Protein backbone atom coordinates (compact mmCIF):
# COMPACT_ATOMS: atom_id res chain seq x y z
CA MET A 1 0.00 0.00 0.00
CA ARG A 2 1.53 3.31 -1.12
CA ILE A 3 0.90 6.23 1.26
CA GLN A 4 1.71 9.92 0.64
CA VAL A 5 2.81 11.51 3.91
CA GLY A 6 3.95 14.90 2.61
CA GLU A 7 4.88 16.85 -0.48
CA GLY A 8 7.10 14.49 -2.47
CA ILE A 9 7.44 12.06 0.47
CA PHE A 10 5.93 8.57 0.24
CA SER A 11 5.92 5.54 2.52
CA ASP A 12 4.81 1.91 2.40
CA LYS A 13 2.71 0.45 5.21
CA LEU A 14 3.97 -2.79 6.78
CA PRO A 15 1.66 -5.73 7.34
CA ALA A 16 0.29 -6.22 10.86
CA GLU A 17 2.62 -7.70 13.50
CA HIS A 18 0.82 -11.06 13.58
CA ASP A 19 1.09 -11.34 9.78
CA LEU A 20 4.82 -10.61 9.89
CA ALA A 21 5.29 -13.13 12.70
CA ALA A 22 3.48 -15.81 10.71
CA ARG A 23 5.33 -14.99 7.50
CA PHE A 24 8.80 -15.26 9.09
CA GLY A 25 8.02 -17.97 11.64
CA VAL A 26 8.84 -15.88 14.73
CA ASN A 27 6.87 -14.63 17.70
CA ARG A 28 5.36 -11.15 17.87
CA GLN A 29 7.87 -9.98 20.47
CA THR A 30 10.67 -10.62 17.99
CA VAL A 31 8.78 -8.63 15.36
CA ARG A 32 8.31 -5.74 17.82
CA ARG A 33 12.04 -5.68 18.65
CA ALA A 34 12.95 -5.68 14.95
CA ILE A 35 10.52 -2.84 14.21
CA ALA A 36 11.86 -0.84 17.17
CA ALA A 37 15.46 -1.29 15.98
CA LEU A 38 14.61 -0.20 12.44
CA ALA A 39 12.62 2.75 13.75
CA ASP A 40 15.66 3.84 15.77
CA GLU A 41 17.63 3.95 12.51
CA GLY A 42 14.94 6.06 10.84
CA LEU A 43 13.92 3.30 8.42
CA LEU A 44 10.46 2.71 9.91
CA ARG A 45 7.88 5.02 11.46
CA PRO A 46 5.29 3.50 13.86
CA GLU A 47 2.11 5.59 14.13
CA ARG A 48 -0.37 4.90 16.92
CA GLY A 49 -3.67 3.66 15.56
CA ARG A 50 -2.45 3.54 11.96
CA GLY A 51 0.36 0.99 11.81
CA THR A 52 4.04 1.03 10.84
CA PHE A 53 5.31 2.73 7.71
CA ILE A 54 8.54 2.48 5.73
CA ASN A 55 10.31 5.82 5.43
CA ALA A 56 11.01 5.93 1.72
CA GLN A 57 13.98 8.14 0.83
CA PRO A 58 12.56 11.51 -0.27
CA ASP A 59 14.25 13.93 -2.62
CA PRO A 60 16.65 16.21 -0.71
CA VAL A 61 15.08 19.41 0.58
CA ALA A 62 16.66 22.52 -0.93
CA TYR A 63 18.10 24.91 1.66
CA ALA A 64 19.32 28.31 0.47
CA ILE A 65 22.27 29.85 2.30
CA GLY A 66 22.69 33.57 1.71
CA THR A 67 22.61 36.84 3.59
CA ARG A 68 19.05 36.14 4.78
CA THR A 69 19.14 32.47 5.71
CA ARG A 70 15.80 31.54 7.33
CA PHE A 71 14.74 27.95 7.96
CA SER A 72 10.98 28.56 7.98
CA GLU A 73 11.02 30.83 4.93
CA ASN A 74 13.17 28.29 3.03
CA MET A 75 10.68 25.50 3.68
CA LEU A 76 7.44 27.47 3.21
CA ALA A 77 8.69 28.72 -0.17
CA GLN A 78 8.77 25.06 -1.29
CA GLY A 79 5.30 24.31 0.04
CA LEU A 80 6.70 22.33 2.98
CA GLU A 81 5.55 22.57 6.59
CA PRO A 82 8.45 23.41 8.96
CA SER A 83 8.57 23.30 12.74
CA GLY A 84 11.20 23.86 15.40
CA ARG A 85 11.53 22.10 18.74
CA LEU A 86 13.55 23.13 21.77
CA ILE A 87 15.60 20.18 23.01
CA ARG A 88 17.52 21.91 25.78
CA ALA A 89 18.51 25.36 27.01
CA ASP A 90 21.45 26.23 29.27
CA ASN A 91 23.05 29.33 30.73
CA VAL A 92 26.78 29.30 29.97
CA ARG A 93 29.75 31.66 30.01
CA ALA A 94 31.50 32.77 26.83
CA ASP A 95 34.90 31.18 26.26
CA ALA A 96 37.51 32.87 24.08
CA ILE A 97 36.16 31.35 20.86
CA MET A 98 32.55 32.32 21.52
CA ALA A 99 33.57 35.77 22.78
CA ASP A 100 35.28 36.35 19.42
CA LYS A 101 32.27 35.12 17.44
CA LEU A 102 29.78 37.27 19.37
CA SER A 103 32.08 40.24 20.00
CA CYS A 104 31.56 39.99 23.73
CA ARG A 105 33.87 39.68 26.72
CA VAL A 106 35.19 36.34 27.90
CA GLY A 107 32.93 35.14 30.70
CA ALA A 108 29.87 37.04 29.45
CA PRO A 109 26.58 35.22 30.15
CA LEU A 110 25.13 33.41 27.14
CA HIS A 111 22.01 31.44 26.33
CA LYS A 112 22.82 28.10 24.70
CA LEU A 113 19.89 26.61 22.80
CA GLN A 114 19.81 23.10 21.34
CA THR A 115 17.03 22.79 18.78
CA LEU A 116 15.61 20.33 16.27
CA SER A 117 14.28 21.39 12.85
CA VAL A 118 11.56 19.24 11.31
CA VAL A 119 9.98 19.26 7.84
CA GLU A 120 6.79 17.29 7.14
CA SER A 121 7.35 15.28 10.36
CA MET A 122 10.90 14.33 9.26
CA PRO A 123 13.87 15.61 11.33
CA ILE A 124 16.17 17.54 9.00
CA SER A 125 18.78 19.09 11.28
CA ARG A 126 19.75 19.89 14.83
CA SER A 127 21.42 23.10 15.93
CA THR A 128 23.28 24.65 18.83
CA SER A 129 22.88 28.43 19.06
CA TYR A 130 24.47 31.00 21.36
CA PHE A 131 22.98 34.41 22.22
CA SER A 132 23.95 37.16 24.63
CA ALA A 133 21.85 36.66 27.78
CA GLU A 134 22.26 40.35 28.58
CA ARG A 135 20.86 41.56 25.26
CA PHE A 136 18.34 38.75 24.72
CA PRO A 137 17.11 37.71 28.19
CA ALA A 138 13.90 36.06 26.90
CA VAL A 139 15.12 34.41 23.70
CA VAL A 140 14.72 30.91 25.17
CA GLU A 141 11.09 31.50 26.07
CA GLY A 142 10.47 33.14 22.71
CA TYR A 143 11.81 30.14 20.81
CA ALA A 144 9.99 27.63 23.03
CA GLU A 145 6.70 29.38 22.29
CA THR A 146 7.15 30.02 18.56
CA GLY A 147 9.58 27.35 17.33
CA SER A 148 11.34 30.08 15.33
CA ILE A 149 14.61 31.90 15.98
CA THR A 150 13.42 34.75 13.76
CA GLN A 151 10.24 35.21 15.78
CA ALA A 152 12.11 34.89 19.08
CA LEU A 153 14.56 37.62 18.04
CA ARG A 154 11.72 39.81 16.78
CA ARG A 155 10.23 39.68 20.28
CA GLU A 156 13.59 40.92 21.55
CA GLY A 157 13.56 43.89 19.18
CA VAL A 158 15.58 42.50 16.26
CA VAL A 159 13.31 43.13 13.28
CA ASP A 160 15.80 41.80 10.74
CA TYR A 161 19.25 40.23 10.64
CA ARG A 162 21.63 38.80 8.08
CA ARG A 163 24.20 36.05 7.72
CA LEU A 164 27.77 37.29 8.11
CA GLU A 165 29.60 34.06 7.37
CA THR A 166 29.04 30.33 6.94
CA ALA A 167 31.66 27.55 7.00
CA ILE A 168 30.64 24.01 5.98
CA THR A 169 32.33 20.70 6.82
CA ALA A 170 31.18 17.07 6.96
CA GLU A 171 31.58 14.07 9.23
CA ARG A 172 29.86 10.82 10.22
CA VAL A 173 26.88 10.96 12.54
CA THR A 174 27.22 10.70 16.29
CA GLN A 175 24.96 8.68 18.58
CA HIS A 176 23.15 11.89 19.46
CA ASP A 177 22.48 12.50 15.75
CA ILE A 178 21.09 8.98 15.36
CA GLU A 179 18.73 9.43 18.30
CA LEU A 180 17.44 12.91 17.42
CA LEU A 181 17.50 12.81 13.61
CA ARG A 182 16.35 9.18 13.28
CA CYS A 183 19.07 8.35 10.77
CA ALA A 184 21.19 5.34 9.92
CA ALA A 185 24.35 4.68 11.90
CA ASP A 186 26.55 5.21 8.82
CA ALA A 187 24.89 8.46 7.68
CA ILE A 188 26.86 11.63 6.93
CA VAL A 189 26.09 15.05 8.35
CA LEU A 190 26.91 18.42 6.79
CA ILE A 191 27.97 20.87 9.50
CA SER A 192 27.31 24.58 9.10
CA ASN A 193 29.08 27.01 11.44
CA ALA A 194 27.60 30.47 11.02
CA ILE A 195 27.34 33.94 12.53
CA ASP A 196 24.33 36.24 12.17
CA VAL A 197 24.47 40.00 12.68
CA ASP A 198 21.87 42.72 13.19
CA ALA A 199 21.23 45.73 10.92
CA ALA A 200 24.17 47.55 12.54
CA GLY A 201 26.52 44.63 11.82
CA TYR A 202 26.77 43.50 15.45
CA PRO A 203 26.84 39.69 16.02
CA ILE A 204 23.63 38.38 17.57
CA GLN A 205 23.87 34.61 17.05
CA ALA A 206 26.57 31.98 16.64
CA ILE A 207 25.01 28.78 15.35
CA ARG A 208 26.28 25.29 14.53
CA THR A 209 23.85 23.14 12.52
CA ARG A 210 24.12 19.46 11.66
CA PHE A 211 22.16 18.49 8.51
CA ILE A 212 21.62 14.90 7.41
CA ALA A 213 23.40 15.00 4.05
CA ASP A 214 20.96 12.89 2.05
CA ARG A 215 17.95 14.85 3.29
CA MET A 216 19.23 18.34 2.51
CA GLU A 217 20.71 20.07 -0.53
CA LEU A 218 22.54 23.23 0.49
CA ARG A 219 22.38 25.99 -2.13
CA ILE A 220 24.82 28.86 -1.57
CA ASN A 221 24.12 32.33 -2.87
CA HIS A 222 27.69 33.45 -3.66
CA ALA A 223 26.64 37.01 -4.52
CA GLY A 224 24.93 37.42 -1.18
CA LEU A 225 27.55 36.01 1.18
CA ALA A 226 29.97 38.22 3.03
CA SER A 227 33.15 37.40 4.91
CA LYS A 228 33.90 38.41 8.45
CA PRO A 229 36.42 41.29 8.52
């Protein structure tokens, strides 16, 4: 049975557990363990009351990187439904590296947000963002309520911002990636390290994003990118 679960994303529904058990000559507990293991790798998707579906490999989602990189705007422009989820928030102190990125003093209080970006119910990326706690005291609450960095910053008085720089590398997934992004253990992630600045050119966010490589196609606007002085 072929099921459409989103724009350009299709899945097949598995037979019922008792049918699978009979077909392979095993008990239902063995079937449940196998389904759970495959779901952990992102290959299956159990849905309460509906059954278990195979996550067919969708076409990569296009993600434009330019001076105005916005997750929600990127997805909505393609007719896709985005959402953001707050995984964890911590209060930390800026080390030398983060102080340089955010143009703040070493030891300055920062908000550290760990977030998950989802498109059509499929995890696409996870990010770690840093903001000045002095300038943006309520950014955590803003993100938790809206699921959008742009909306959270708007609540803090930043009407618009732009991307100053983006550096991209790649590596194999970690266990944390596998758990949050529901991907295979041998998957590759593209890592984007970026800095966003306000209209006056002052850094407001340092963000590190891990994209599952086969779910995302990064498109870089060369004309729009700037380098950090």
